[in-house]
N, C-alpha and C. Protein backbone atom coordinates (compact mmCIF):
# COMPACT_ATOMS: atom_id res chain seq x y z
N MET A 1 113.75 60.43 133.32
CA MET A 1 114.64 59.86 132.33
C MET A 1 114.90 60.93 131.27
N LEU A 2 116.15 61.27 131.02
CA LEU A 2 116.52 62.27 130.03
C LEU A 2 117.29 61.58 128.92
N THR A 3 116.92 61.86 127.68
CA THR A 3 117.57 61.23 126.54
C THR A 3 117.60 62.19 125.37
N THR A 4 118.28 61.82 124.29
CA THR A 4 118.36 62.67 123.11
C THR A 4 117.82 61.92 121.91
N VAL A 5 116.92 62.57 121.17
CA VAL A 5 116.36 62.02 119.94
C VAL A 5 116.45 63.10 118.88
N ASN A 6 117.06 62.79 117.75
CA ASN A 6 117.20 63.75 116.66
C ASN A 6 117.79 65.07 117.14
N SER A 7 118.82 65.02 117.94
CA SER A 7 119.52 66.19 118.45
C SER A 7 118.69 67.07 119.37
N CYS A 8 117.54 66.60 119.85
CA CYS A 8 116.71 67.35 120.78
C CYS A 8 116.75 66.65 122.13
N SER A 9 116.99 67.38 123.18
CA SER A 9 116.92 66.81 124.51
C SER A 9 115.46 66.62 124.87
N ILE A 10 115.14 65.45 125.40
CA ILE A 10 113.76 65.21 125.81
C ILE A 10 113.74 64.61 127.20
N GLU A 11 112.66 64.84 127.90
CA GLU A 11 112.43 64.24 129.20
C GLU A 11 111.19 63.38 129.04
N ALA A 12 111.29 62.12 129.38
CA ALA A 12 110.17 61.21 129.18
C ALA A 12 109.75 60.62 130.52
N SER A 13 108.45 60.47 130.72
CA SER A 13 107.93 59.82 131.91
C SER A 13 106.69 59.03 131.51
N LEU A 14 106.44 57.93 132.19
CA LEU A 14 105.28 57.11 131.89
C LEU A 14 104.00 57.82 132.28
N THR A 15 103.02 57.70 131.42
CA THR A 15 101.69 58.23 131.73
C THR A 15 100.70 57.11 131.52
N LEU A 16 99.97 56.76 132.55
CA LEU A 16 99.03 55.65 132.46
C LEU A 16 97.59 56.13 132.26
N ASP A 17 97.33 57.41 132.53
CA ASP A 17 95.96 57.91 132.47
C ASP A 17 95.57 58.50 131.12
N THR A 18 96.52 58.65 130.20
CA THR A 18 96.24 59.27 128.92
C THR A 18 96.62 58.31 127.79
N PRO A 19 95.72 58.11 126.82
CA PRO A 19 96.08 57.23 125.71
C PRO A 19 97.24 57.80 124.90
N ALA A 20 98.12 56.92 124.47
CA ALA A 20 99.30 57.35 123.72
C ALA A 20 98.96 57.54 122.26
N ARG A 21 99.54 58.57 121.67
CA ARG A 21 99.43 58.80 120.23
C ARG A 21 100.83 59.12 119.74
N LEU A 22 101.23 58.49 118.69
CA LEU A 22 102.57 58.66 118.16
C LEU A 22 102.79 60.08 117.68
N TYR A 23 103.66 60.83 118.36
CA TYR A 23 104.03 62.19 117.99
C TYR A 23 102.84 63.11 117.80
N GLN A 24 101.81 62.93 118.59
CA GLN A 24 100.64 63.80 118.52
C GLN A 24 100.88 65.00 119.44
N PRO A 25 100.96 66.23 118.89
CA PRO A 25 101.18 67.39 119.75
C PRO A 25 100.03 67.58 120.74
N VAL A 26 100.36 67.77 122.00
CA VAL A 26 99.36 68.03 123.02
C VAL A 26 99.35 69.51 123.34
N ARG A 27 100.49 70.07 123.60
CA ARG A 27 100.68 71.51 123.75
C ARG A 27 102.14 71.78 123.42
N ALA A 28 102.53 73.01 123.38
CA ALA A 28 103.89 73.37 122.97
C ALA A 28 104.92 72.59 123.77
N GLY A 29 105.78 71.88 123.09
CA GLY A 29 106.88 71.19 123.74
C GLY A 29 106.53 69.87 124.39
N VAL A 30 105.30 69.36 124.22
CA VAL A 30 104.92 68.09 124.84
C VAL A 30 104.30 67.19 123.78
N ARG A 31 104.75 65.96 123.71
CA ARG A 31 104.22 65.00 122.75
C ARG A 31 104.10 63.63 123.42
N PHE A 32 103.20 62.77 122.93
CA PHE A 32 103.08 61.42 123.42
C PHE A 32 103.75 60.47 122.42
N LEU A 33 104.47 59.49 122.92
CA LEU A 33 105.12 58.50 122.08
C LEU A 33 105.03 57.16 122.78
N SER A 34 104.17 56.27 122.29
CA SER A 34 104.03 54.92 122.83
C SER A 34 103.90 54.89 124.35
N GLY A 35 102.99 55.68 124.90
CA GLY A 35 102.74 55.66 126.33
C GLY A 35 103.69 56.52 127.15
N LEU A 36 104.64 57.16 126.53
CA LEU A 36 105.57 58.03 127.23
C LEU A 36 105.20 59.48 126.98
N LEU A 37 105.19 60.27 128.01
CA LEU A 37 105.00 61.70 127.86
C LEU A 37 106.38 62.30 127.62
N ILE A 38 106.54 62.99 126.50
CA ILE A 38 107.84 63.54 126.12
C ILE A 38 107.76 65.05 126.16
N ARG A 39 108.64 65.66 126.92
CA ARG A 39 108.73 67.11 126.96
C ARG A 39 109.99 67.50 126.21
N LEU A 40 109.80 68.18 125.08
CA LEU A 40 110.95 68.65 124.32
C LEU A 40 111.56 69.83 125.04
N LYS A 41 112.85 69.85 125.12
CA LYS A 41 113.53 70.98 125.74
C LYS A 41 113.65 72.07 124.70
N MET A 42 112.90 73.15 124.91
CA MET A 42 112.89 74.25 123.96
C MET A 42 113.97 75.26 124.34
N PHE A 43 114.46 75.94 123.34
CA PHE A 43 115.45 77.00 123.54
C PHE A 43 114.89 78.29 122.95
N TYR A 44 115.32 79.40 123.50
CA TYR A 44 114.78 80.69 123.12
C TYR A 44 115.91 81.66 122.77
N ALA A 45 115.67 82.48 121.76
CA ALA A 45 116.47 83.68 121.51
C ALA A 45 115.52 84.82 121.86
N TYR A 46 115.99 85.78 122.66
CA TYR A 46 115.07 86.78 123.18
C TYR A 46 115.68 88.17 123.15
N VAL A 47 114.80 89.17 123.24
CA VAL A 47 115.21 90.57 123.32
C VAL A 47 114.50 91.17 124.52
N LEU A 48 115.27 91.76 125.41
CA LEU A 48 114.74 92.46 126.56
C LEU A 48 114.88 93.95 126.34
N LYS A 49 113.95 94.73 126.89
CA LYS A 49 114.06 96.18 126.85
C LYS A 49 114.03 96.70 128.27
N SER A 50 114.94 97.60 128.57
CA SER A 50 114.96 98.25 129.87
C SER A 50 113.74 99.16 129.99
N VAL A 51 113.07 99.10 131.13
CA VAL A 51 111.90 99.95 131.36
C VAL A 51 112.34 101.40 131.58
N SER A 52 113.52 101.59 132.18
CA SER A 52 113.96 102.94 132.55
C SER A 52 114.98 103.56 131.61
N HIS A 53 115.50 102.80 130.66
CA HIS A 53 116.51 103.31 129.72
C HIS A 53 116.16 102.84 128.31
N ASN A 54 116.77 103.48 127.33
CA ASN A 54 116.61 103.04 125.94
C ASN A 54 117.70 102.01 125.65
N TYR A 55 117.60 100.84 126.27
CA TYR A 55 118.62 99.81 126.18
C TYR A 55 117.95 98.47 125.91
N TYR A 56 118.49 97.75 124.92
CA TYR A 56 118.00 96.42 124.56
C TYR A 56 119.09 95.40 124.84
N TYR A 57 118.68 94.25 125.34
CA TYR A 57 119.61 93.15 125.60
C TYR A 57 119.14 91.95 124.81
N LYS A 58 120.06 91.30 124.10
CA LYS A 58 119.73 90.11 123.32
C LYS A 58 120.45 88.93 123.94
N GLY A 59 119.73 87.80 124.05
CA GLY A 59 120.33 86.61 124.64
C GLY A 59 119.62 85.35 124.21
N HIS A 60 120.06 84.23 124.79
CA HIS A 60 119.40 82.95 124.55
C HIS A 60 119.35 82.17 125.86
N CYS A 61 118.40 81.24 125.96
CA CYS A 61 118.26 80.44 127.18
C CYS A 61 117.33 79.26 126.89
N HIS A 62 117.14 78.42 127.91
CA HIS A 62 116.18 77.32 127.76
C HIS A 62 114.95 77.52 128.66
N ASP A 63 114.99 78.49 129.56
CA ASP A 63 113.84 78.79 130.42
C ASP A 63 113.69 80.30 130.49
N LEU A 64 112.78 80.82 129.70
CA LEU A 64 112.64 82.26 129.52
C LEU A 64 112.21 82.98 130.80
N GLU A 65 111.27 82.42 131.53
CA GLU A 65 110.80 83.06 132.76
C GLU A 65 111.91 83.16 133.81
N THR A 66 112.63 82.07 133.99
CA THR A 66 113.74 82.06 134.95
C THR A 66 114.81 83.05 134.54
N ARG A 67 115.11 83.09 133.27
CA ARG A 67 116.16 84.00 132.79
C ARG A 67 115.77 85.46 133.01
N LEU A 68 114.51 85.81 132.77
CA LEU A 68 114.06 87.18 133.01
C LEU A 68 114.18 87.52 134.50
N ARG A 69 113.80 86.57 135.37
CA ARG A 69 113.96 86.79 136.82
C ARG A 69 115.42 87.02 137.19
N GLN A 70 116.33 86.27 136.57
CA GLN A 70 117.76 86.44 136.84
C GLN A 70 118.22 87.83 136.42
N HIS A 71 117.80 88.26 135.24
CA HIS A 71 118.17 89.61 134.79
C HIS A 71 117.63 90.66 135.76
N ASN A 72 116.37 90.57 136.12
CA ASN A 72 115.73 91.58 136.96
C ASN A 72 116.18 91.55 138.41
N SER A 73 116.78 90.45 138.84
CA SER A 73 117.29 90.39 140.22
C SER A 73 118.74 90.89 140.29
N GLY A 74 119.32 91.26 139.16
CA GLY A 74 120.68 91.79 139.15
C GLY A 74 121.76 90.73 139.06
N MET A 75 121.40 89.49 138.75
CA MET A 75 122.38 88.41 138.67
C MET A 75 123.27 88.52 137.42
N THR A 76 122.83 89.28 136.44
CA THR A 76 123.60 89.47 135.21
C THR A 76 124.27 90.83 135.27
N GLN A 77 125.59 90.83 135.38
CA GLN A 77 126.33 92.07 135.59
C GLN A 77 126.13 93.08 134.47
N SER A 78 126.08 92.60 133.23
CA SER A 78 125.98 93.53 132.09
C SER A 78 124.65 94.26 132.02
N THR A 79 123.61 93.72 132.63
CA THR A 79 122.30 94.38 132.57
C THR A 79 121.94 95.10 133.86
N ARG A 80 122.72 94.93 134.89
CA ARG A 80 122.39 95.49 136.21
C ARG A 80 122.12 97.00 136.20
N PRO A 81 122.91 97.82 135.46
CA PRO A 81 122.65 99.27 135.48
C PRO A 81 121.34 99.68 134.81
N TYR A 82 120.71 98.78 134.06
CA TYR A 82 119.53 99.13 133.26
C TYR A 82 118.24 98.51 133.78
N LEU A 83 118.24 97.96 134.97
CA LEU A 83 117.06 97.31 135.54
C LEU A 83 115.89 98.28 135.67
N PRO A 84 114.67 97.80 135.60
CA PRO A 84 114.18 96.45 135.29
C PRO A 84 113.97 96.26 133.78
N PHE A 85 113.74 95.01 133.39
CA PHE A 85 113.55 94.63 131.99
C PHE A 85 112.20 93.98 131.77
N VAL A 86 111.74 94.08 130.52
CA VAL A 86 110.56 93.33 130.06
C VAL A 86 110.96 92.62 128.76
N ILE A 87 110.33 91.49 128.50
CA ILE A 87 110.58 90.77 127.26
C ILE A 87 109.76 91.46 126.17
N VAL A 88 110.43 91.89 125.10
CA VAL A 88 109.71 92.54 124.01
C VAL A 88 109.62 91.64 122.77
N TYR A 89 110.48 90.61 122.70
CA TYR A 89 110.45 89.72 121.54
C TYR A 89 111.19 88.44 121.89
N PHE A 90 110.69 87.30 121.40
CA PHE A 90 111.42 86.04 121.53
C PHE A 90 111.00 85.08 120.43
N GLU A 91 111.87 84.13 120.14
CA GLU A 91 111.60 83.06 119.19
C GLU A 91 112.00 81.75 119.84
N THR A 92 111.31 80.66 119.50
CA THR A 92 111.62 79.35 120.07
C THR A 92 112.36 78.49 119.05
N PHE A 93 113.21 77.59 119.56
CA PHE A 93 114.02 76.71 118.72
C PHE A 93 114.12 75.34 119.36
N ASP A 94 114.32 74.34 118.51
CA ASP A 94 114.49 72.97 119.00
C ASP A 94 115.90 72.71 119.52
N THR A 95 116.88 73.46 119.00
CA THR A 95 118.26 73.23 119.42
C THR A 95 118.89 74.52 119.95
N GLU A 96 119.82 74.34 120.86
CA GLU A 96 120.54 75.49 121.42
C GLU A 96 121.39 76.16 120.35
N VAL A 97 121.94 75.39 119.44
CA VAL A 97 122.77 75.94 118.36
C VAL A 97 121.97 76.94 117.53
N ASP A 98 120.71 76.59 117.20
CA ASP A 98 119.86 77.50 116.44
C ASP A 98 119.54 78.77 117.22
N ALA A 99 119.30 78.63 118.53
CA ALA A 99 119.00 79.80 119.36
C ALA A 99 120.21 80.72 119.45
N ILE A 100 121.40 80.16 119.57
CA ILE A 100 122.63 80.97 119.63
C ILE A 100 122.84 81.70 118.31
N ALA A 101 122.61 81.00 117.20
CA ALA A 101 122.78 81.63 115.89
C ALA A 101 121.81 82.80 115.73
N ARG A 102 120.59 82.64 116.21
CA ARG A 102 119.60 83.72 116.09
C ARG A 102 119.98 84.89 117.00
N GLU A 103 120.46 84.59 118.20
CA GLU A 103 120.94 85.65 119.10
C GLU A 103 122.06 86.45 118.43
N LYS A 104 122.98 85.76 117.81
CA LYS A 104 124.08 86.44 117.10
C LYS A 104 123.54 87.32 115.97
N TYR A 105 122.52 86.83 115.28
CA TYR A 105 121.90 87.62 114.22
C TYR A 105 121.27 88.89 114.80
N PHE A 106 120.56 88.76 115.93
CA PHE A 106 119.94 89.93 116.56
C PHE A 106 120.96 91.01 116.88
N LYS A 107 122.20 90.62 117.10
CA LYS A 107 123.26 91.58 117.48
C LYS A 107 123.93 92.23 116.28
N THR A 108 123.56 91.84 115.06
CA THR A 108 124.11 92.46 113.86
C THR A 108 123.26 93.66 113.47
N ALA A 109 123.76 94.46 112.53
CA ALA A 109 123.01 95.63 112.06
C ALA A 109 121.68 95.22 111.44
N SER A 110 121.70 94.18 110.62
CA SER A 110 120.45 93.73 110.00
C SER A 110 119.51 93.12 111.04
N GLY A 111 120.06 92.47 112.05
CA GLY A 111 119.24 91.92 113.13
C GLY A 111 118.58 93.02 113.95
N ARG A 112 119.31 94.10 114.21
CA ARG A 112 118.73 95.23 114.93
C ARG A 112 117.60 95.87 114.12
N LYS A 113 117.79 95.96 112.80
CA LYS A 113 116.73 96.48 111.93
C LYS A 113 115.51 95.57 111.96
N PHE A 114 115.75 94.25 111.95
CA PHE A 114 114.66 93.27 112.01
C PHE A 114 113.87 93.45 113.30
N ILE A 115 114.56 93.55 114.43
CA ILE A 115 113.90 93.73 115.72
C ILE A 115 113.12 95.03 115.75
N LYS A 116 113.72 96.10 115.27
CA LYS A 116 113.03 97.39 115.24
C LYS A 116 111.74 97.31 114.43
N LYS A 117 111.81 96.64 113.27
CA LYS A 117 110.63 96.49 112.42
C LYS A 117 109.56 95.66 113.13
N LYS A 118 109.95 94.59 113.80
CA LYS A 118 108.99 93.75 114.53
C LYS A 118 108.33 94.52 115.67
N LEU A 119 109.11 95.32 116.38
CA LEU A 119 108.57 96.06 117.51
C LEU A 119 107.68 97.21 117.08
N ASP A 120 107.89 97.72 115.88
CA ASP A 120 107.08 98.83 115.36
C ASP A 120 105.75 98.36 114.79
N GLU A 121 105.61 97.06 114.55
CA GLU A 121 104.35 96.51 113.99
C GLU A 121 103.21 96.63 114.96
């Protein structure tokens, strides 16, 4: 069952083996609500670095591992010449709009400075 609560996409399923606690965090992106297991759909803004070139790619997605596999398999035309990639930085968000805004920030001059500072730490 997929539904939206407070602008967040959630997937809920009944759980009979675990006591319910109202909005009690269990692990990242999972909460219990009146006997329902709720998985919040998280969104990511991320920075990839080419292993073989001095090239950084900034993007957003809802499944970071799958997206990295897509990049490294050559499914993304813009990154194909710079394969392979590793994730060097990412941030999580509750909404896709926030992740897109952060991706756009990463692509600005001040965003590039921010990333450089984070990677140098």
